Amino acid sequence: MTIAGSLNSSIRRGLAALLIAAFAFACADSTDATSVKATLPTTAAVSGASTRAPSATVEQLRVEVISRRPHDRGSFTEGLEIAGGRLYESSGLQGESTLREVDARTGAVTRKIDMDNQYFGEGIAVVDDRIIQLTWQEHTAFVYRLTDFSKITTFTYDTEGWGLCDDGSRLVMSDGTNQLYFRDRSTFAVTGKVSVTENGTPIDQLNELECVDGQVYANVWQTDTIVRIDPASGRVTAAINAAGLLGADAGAVDVLNGIAYDPTTKTFLITGKLWPTLFEVRFVPR
């Protein structure tokens, strides 16, 4: 602590008065009391008062469409993932939830299993030879063998389940709040969490997730925005505007949801709930 910081309030007030008087005396011929008062913040800054550092810039990006591909209009997309060159998708809705493998070029469903009626399917993540599928409010995650979708085990959790991705060393999970939870890839135990903010403001409704190169991309539910998050700090480092992709079809669908990264082409696949189109895109400056 500085000497000035250790002074009691009466001494600090006396010192401030002396500074004002000295300044007024030095400038008496050219400066009135109003202008002296206006300079006090500068004097305080010189004597050691700190000013708030500006917030780090949030990069503003947009979607550049590379190609348009068919997508099943019956799929209420909750999770989207590319692994081993194959596209996997979780479709929600109570009593109609599925886990499916999809031909990324044609949109054809090549493999599918139905969830029991009491479950509402949510985000998915591929971990080695397994695929993990969350459920919305049933506090249960199902683990399947990737090769044949046979059920291996289940995990339980206390929050709602929204989005899930694997960064290679841990799982990252969203629950509709501004929290991201880090979980063990084998046991699903919570190993940490972080609050997500944009310029200091909490960003909630975080939905489908995708882990890419140490960053987390998240759909913000009920918006056309995808945010890029630094998982170490929770800070939003980029906001991606994905509005207007469907054009005239927009009125017949639900919200944007679904992000999958293709490491071979370094492009993203994005879609939405009941959307007729899967878009191959890049995120570029506005």
Protein backbone atom coordinates (compact mmCIF):
# COMPACT_ATOMS: atom_id res chain seq x y z
CA MET A 1 0.00 0.00 0.00
CA THR A 2 1.26 3.55 -0.78
CA ILE A 3 1.80 6.20 1.92
CA ALA A 4 -1.19 8.15 0.58
CA GLY A 5 -3.30 5.00 0.78
CA SER A 6 -2.48 4.52 4.47
CA LEU A 7 -3.51 8.02 5.57
CA ASN A 8 -6.74 8.31 7.48
CA SER A 9 -9.69 10.14 5.96
CA SER A 10 -9.16 13.45 7.81
CA ILE A 11 -5.50 13.69 6.74
CA ARG A 12 -6.43 12.84 3.15
CA ARG A 13 -9.07 15.59 3.19
CA GLY A 14 -6.49 18.06 4.58
CA LEU A 15 -3.96 17.07 1.94
CA ALA A 16 -6.54 17.48 -0.80
CA ALA A 17 -7.36 20.95 0.51
CA LEU A 18 -3.66 21.90 0.49
CA LEU A 19 -3.30 20.63 -3.08
CA ILE A 20 -6.31 22.65 -4.19
CA ALA A 21 -5.05 25.78 -2.44
CA ALA A 22 -1.56 25.42 -3.90
CA PHE A 23 -2.93 24.84 -7.36
CA ALA A 24 -5.33 27.80 -7.06
CA PHE A 25 -2.51 30.07 -5.86
CA ALA A 26 -0.24 29.06 -8.73
CA CYS A 27 -2.97 29.65 -11.27
CA ALA A 28 -4.80 32.53 -9.61
CA ASP A 29 -4.06 34.99 -12.38
CA SER A 30 -5.56 32.80 -15.10
CA THR A 31 -7.80 30.17 -13.52
CA ASP A 32 -11.08 30.45 -11.58
CA ALA A 33 -12.45 28.01 -8.99
CA THR A 34 -14.57 26.09 -11.54
CA SER A 35 -11.59 25.26 -13.75
CA VAL A 36 -9.54 24.25 -10.70
CA LYS A 37 -12.24 21.72 -9.74
CA ALA A 38 -12.27 20.35 -13.25
CA THR A 39 -8.59 19.48 -12.97
CA LEU A 40 -8.91 17.52 -9.72
CA PRO A 41 -9.36 14.08 -11.35
CA THR A 42 -6.06 14.60 -13.17
CA THR A 43 -4.35 15.57 -9.90
CA ALA A 44 -5.78 12.49 -8.19
CA ALA A 45 -4.54 10.24 -11.00
CA VAL A 46 -1.04 11.64 -10.67
CA SER A 47 -1.08 11.00 -6.92
CA GLY A 48 -1.74 7.28 -7.45
CA ALA A 49 -5.51 6.80 -8.12
CA SER A 50 -6.09 4.09 -10.76
CA THR A 51 -8.40 4.20 -13.75
CA ARG A 52 -10.32 1.17 -15.05
CA ALA A 53 -8.57 -0.55 -17.93
CA PRO A 54 -10.58 -0.74 -21.16
CA SER A 55 -12.25 -4.07 -21.93
CA ALA A 56 -10.55 -6.38 -24.41
CA THR A 57 -12.07 -6.07 -27.86
CA VAL A 58 -14.64 -8.67 -28.88
CA GLU A 59 -13.95 -9.60 -32.50
CA GLN A 60 -16.97 -9.09 -34.75
CA LEU A 61 -17.33 -11.87 -37.33
CA ARG A 62 -19.88 -13.00 -39.89
CA VAL A 63 -20.69 -16.24 -41.68
CA GLU A 64 -19.24 -16.81 -45.15
CA VAL A 65 -21.20 -19.60 -46.86
CA ILE A 66 -19.09 -22.04 -48.87
CA SER A 67 -21.76 -24.61 -49.72
CA ARG A 68 -25.37 -25.52 -48.97
CA ARG A 69 -26.37 -29.11 -48.33
CA PRO A 70 -29.68 -30.86 -47.61
CA HIS A 71 -30.72 -31.39 -43.99
CA ASP A 72 -33.59 -33.43 -42.58
CA ARG A 73 -36.43 -31.00 -41.82
CA GLY A 74 -37.71 -33.43 -39.22
CA SER A 75 -34.58 -33.11 -37.09
CA PHE A 76 -34.87 -30.81 -34.07
CA THR A 77 -31.10 -30.40 -33.97
CA GLU A 78 -29.55 -30.32 -30.50
CA GLY A 79 -26.04 -31.61 -31.14
CA LEU A 80 -23.81 -31.84 -34.21
CA GLU A 81 -20.38 -33.45 -34.42
CA ILE A 82 -17.87 -34.57 -37.06
CA ALA A 83 -15.62 -37.50 -36.14
CA GLY A 84 -13.57 -39.70 -38.43
CA GLY A 85 -15.07 -37.96 -41.45
CA ARG A 86 -18.62 -38.84 -40.37
CA LEU A 87 -21.37 -36.53 -39.18
CA TYR A 88 -23.33 -37.34 -36.02
CA GLU A 89 -26.47 -35.55 -34.87
CA SER A 90 -28.70 -35.52 -31.80
CA SER A 91 -32.34 -34.61 -32.43
CA GLY A 92 -34.55 -33.52 -29.55
CA LEU A 93 -38.30 -33.31 -28.77
CA GLN A 94 -39.99 -35.38 -26.08
CA GLY A 95 -40.94 -38.79 -27.40
CA GLU A 96 -39.14 -38.20 -30.71
CA SER A 97 -35.49 -37.88 -29.72
CA THR A 98 -32.87 -39.75 -31.72
CA LEU A 99 -29.15 -40.23 -32.17
CA ARG A 100 -28.17 -40.51 -35.81
CA GLU A 101 -25.32 -40.74 -38.26
CA VAL A 102 -25.86 -38.54 -41.30
CA ASP A 103 -24.34 -38.31 -44.77
CA ALA A 104 -22.92 -34.77 -44.60
CA ARG A 105 -23.25 -34.29 -48.37
CA THR A 106 -26.76 -35.56 -49.00
CA GLY A 107 -28.40 -35.19 -45.59
CA ALA A 108 -29.50 -38.83 -45.67
CA VAL A 109 -29.74 -40.56 -42.29
CA THR A 110 -27.51 -43.62 -42.55
CA ARG A 111 -27.98 -44.91 -39.00
CA LYS A 112 -30.36 -44.02 -36.18
CA ILE A 113 -31.55 -45.12 -32.75
CA ASP A 114 -34.59 -43.81 -30.92
CA MET A 115 -34.39 -42.72 -27.30
CA ASP A 116 -37.01 -43.85 -24.79
CA ASN A 117 -40.02 -41.53 -24.76
CA GLN A 118 -39.22 -39.96 -21.39
CA TYR A 119 -35.93 -38.51 -22.64
CA PHE A 120 -35.31 -35.27 -24.53
CA GLY A 121 -32.04 -35.63 -26.44
CA GLU A 122 -29.50 -32.78 -26.25
CA GLY A 123 -25.83 -32.14 -27.02
CA ILE A 124 -23.34 -34.82 -28.04
CA ALA A 125 -19.57 -35.32 -27.99
CA VAL A 126 -17.41 -38.03 -29.52
CA VAL A 127 -14.69 -39.27 -27.15
CA ASP A 128 -12.38 -41.80 -28.81
CA ASP A 129 -14.63 -44.78 -29.69
CA ARG A 130 -17.64 -43.54 -27.70
CA ILE A 131 -20.35 -40.95 -28.20
CA ILE A 132 -21.97 -39.24 -25.23
CA GLN A 133 -25.49 -37.80 -25.51
CA LEU A 134 -26.99 -35.45 -22.92
CA THR A 135 -30.65 -35.20 -21.99
CA TRP A 136 -32.39 -31.93 -21.23
CA GLN A 137 -34.05 -32.26 -17.81
CA GLU A 138 -33.60 -35.95 -17.07
CA HIS A 139 -30.11 -35.54 -15.54
CA THR A 140 -28.82 -38.47 -17.56
CA ALA A 141 -26.12 -38.81 -20.20
CA PHE A 142 -26.00 -41.93 -22.34
CA VAL A 143 -22.74 -43.41 -23.57
CA TYR A 144 -22.83 -45.43 -26.80
CA ARG A 145 -20.27 -47.39 -28.76
CA LEU A 146 -19.55 -45.30 -31.84
CA THR A 147 -19.41 -48.20 -34.25
CA ASP A 148 -22.93 -49.53 -33.65
CA PHE A 149 -24.66 -47.14 -31.18
CA SER A 150 -24.95 -49.89 -28.60
CA LYS A 151 -25.38 -48.48 -25.11
CA ILE A 152 -22.34 -48.85 -22.85
CA THR A 153 -23.23 -46.96 -19.68
CA THR A 154 -24.91 -43.84 -18.30
CA PHE A 155 -23.75 -40.81 -16.32
CA THR A 156 -25.81 -38.55 -14.06
CA TYR A 157 -25.55 -34.82 -13.39
CA ASP A 158 -27.40 -32.22 -11.32
CA THR A 159 -28.02 -29.46 -13.85
CA GLU A 160 -29.95 -29.36 -17.09
CA GLY A 161 -28.11 -30.67 -20.13
CA TRP A 162 -27.74 -28.42 -23.21
CA GLY A 163 -24.44 -28.57 -25.09
CA LEU A 164 -21.36 -30.79 -24.93
CA CYS A 165 -17.95 -30.89 -26.62
CA ASP A 166 -14.59 -32.58 -26.11
CA ASP A 167 -11.37 -30.53 -26.23
CA GLY A 168 -9.12 -33.60 -26.24
CA SER A 169 -8.39 -33.58 -22.53
CA ARG A 170 -11.77 -32.85 -20.93
CA LEU A 171 -15.44 -32.40 -21.72
CA VAL A 172 -17.08 -28.97 -21.74
CA MET A 173 -20.80 -28.81 -20.93
CA SER A 174 -23.45 -26.06 -20.93
CA ASP A 175 -26.74 -26.02 -19.03
CA GLY A 176 -28.52 -22.92 -20.38
CA THR A 177 -26.91 -20.55 -17.88
CA ASN A 178 -23.70 -18.56 -18.33
CA GLN A 179 -21.69 -21.42 -16.80
CA LEU A 180 -19.45 -23.85 -18.64
CA TYR A 181 -18.65 -27.03 -16.71
CA PHE A 182 -15.48 -29.06 -17.25
CA ARG A 183 -15.92 -32.80 -16.84
CA ASP A 184 -13.70 -35.86 -16.80
CA ARG A 185 -13.87 -37.72 -20.11
CA SER A 186 -14.07 -41.13 -18.42
CA THR A 187 -16.13 -40.54 -15.27
CA PHE A 188 -18.08 -37.37 -16.17
CA ALA A 189 -17.11 -35.91 -12.78
CA VAL A 190 -16.98 -32.11 -12.63
CA THR A 191 -13.38 -30.89 -12.54
CA GLY A 192 -14.11 -27.15 -12.73
CA LYS A 193 -16.32 -24.47 -14.19
CA VAL A 194 -16.13 -20.93 -15.54
CA SER A 195 -18.60 -18.05 -15.90
CA VAL A 196 -18.97 -16.70 -19.44
CA THR A 197 -19.01 -12.92 -19.89
CA GLU A 198 -18.85 -10.44 -22.75
CA ASN A 199 -17.17 -7.18 -21.72
CA GLY A 200 -18.04 -8.03 -18.13
CA THR A 201 -21.71 -8.88 -18.80
CA PRO A 202 -22.83 -12.48 -18.19
CA ILE A 203 -23.89 -14.31 -21.36
CA ASP A 204 -26.42 -17.04 -20.64
CA GLN A 205 -28.58 -19.35 -22.80
CA LEU A 206 -25.40 -21.09 -23.98
CA ASN A 207 -26.58 -24.06 -26.01
CA GLU A 208 -24.82 -26.36 -28.50
CA LEU A 209 -21.02 -26.33 -28.11
CA GLU A 210 -18.03 -27.09 -30.32
CA CYS A 211 -14.43 -27.28 -29.07
CA VAL A 212 -11.89 -26.06 -31.65
CA ASP A 213 -8.18 -25.33 -31.12
CA GLY A 214 -8.54 -24.60 -27.41
CA GLN A 215 -11.59 -22.36 -27.84
CA VAL A 216 -15.29 -23.10 -27.31
CA TYR A 217 -17.93 -22.03 -29.83
CA ALA A 218 -21.50 -21.79 -28.52
CA ASN A 219 -24.92 -21.10 -29.99
CA VAL A 220 -26.75 -18.50 -27.93
CA TRP A 221 -30.30 -19.86 -27.80
CA GLN A 222 -33.08 -17.79 -29.41
CA THR A 223 -30.52 -15.69 -31.32
CA ASP A 224 -28.60 -15.79 -34.60
CA THR A 225 -25.34 -15.34 -32.70
CA ILE A 226 -22.53 -17.80 -32.12
CA VAL A 227 -19.93 -16.78 -29.55
CA ARG A 228 -16.31 -17.89 -29.29
CA ILE A 229 -15.21 -18.33 -25.67
CA ASP A 230 -11.81 -18.54 -24.03
CA PRO A 231 -12.42 -21.40 -21.56
CA ALA A 232 -9.55 -20.30 -19.32
CA SER A 233 -11.18 -16.96 -18.49
CA GLY A 234 -14.77 -17.38 -19.70
CA ARG A 235 -14.34 -14.26 -21.80
CA VAL A 236 -16.19 -14.00 -25.11
CA THR A 237 -13.48 -13.26 -27.68
CA ALA A 238 -15.69 -13.15 -30.79
CA ALA A 239 -19.35 -12.69 -31.69
CA ILE A 240 -20.42 -14.28 -34.98
CA ASN A 241 -23.50 -12.99 -36.79
CA ALA A 242 -25.26 -15.88 -38.57
CA ALA A 243 -28.49 -14.05 -39.41
CA GLY A 244 -30.31 -14.42 -42.71
CA LEU A 245 -28.95 -17.78 -43.81
CA LEU A 246 -32.30 -19.32 -44.75
CA GLY A 247 -33.87 -16.37 -46.52
CA ALA A 248 -37.50 -17.06 -47.44
CA ASP A 249 -37.50 -20.41 -45.53
CA ALA A 250 -36.79 -18.73 -42.21
CA GLY A 251 -40.45 -18.50 -41.13
CA ALA A 252 -40.98 -22.25 -41.29
CA VAL A 253 -38.21 -23.30 -38.93
CA ASP A 254 -36.99 -22.97 -35.36
CA VAL A 255 -33.77 -21.40 -34.06
CA LEU A 256 -30.17 -21.68 -35.22
CA ASN A 257 -28.50 -24.58 -33.41
CA GLY A 258 -25.73 -26.98 -34.31
CA ILE A 259 -22.00 -26.41 -34.85
CA ALA A 260 -19.57 -29.02 -36.14
CA TYR A 261 -15.95 -28.38 -37.10
CA ASP A 262 -14.28 -30.29 -39.94
CA PRO A 263 -10.51 -30.38 -39.28
CA THR A 264 -9.73 -31.63 -42.79
CA THR A 265 -11.24 -28.58 -44.52
CA LYS A 266 -10.98 -26.20 -41.53
CA THR A 267 -14.59 -25.21 -42.08
CA PHE A 268 -17.71 -25.40 -39.92
CA LEU A 269 -21.07 -27.04 -40.57
CA ILE A 270 -23.99 -25.18 -38.99
CA THR A 271 -27.74 -25.68 -39.09
CA GLY A 272 -30.82 -25.25 -36.91
CA LYS A 273 -33.84 -26.98 -35.47
CA LEU A 274 -36.08 -28.24 -38.32
CA TRP A 275 -33.88 -26.49 -40.89
CA PRO A 276 -33.90 -27.82 -44.47
CA THR A 277 -30.26 -26.82 -45.03
CA LEU A 278 -26.86 -27.62 -43.59
CA PHE A 279 -24.38 -24.82 -44.30
CA GLU A 280 -20.65 -25.25 -44.75
CA VAL A 281 -19.16 -21.95 -43.59
CA ARG A 282 -16.17 -19.97 -42.45
CA PHE A 283 -16.23 -17.24 -39.82
CA VAL A 284 -14.70 -14.11 -41.31
CA PRO A 285 -14.41 -10.43 -40.29
CA ARG A 286 -17.50 -8.29 -40.84
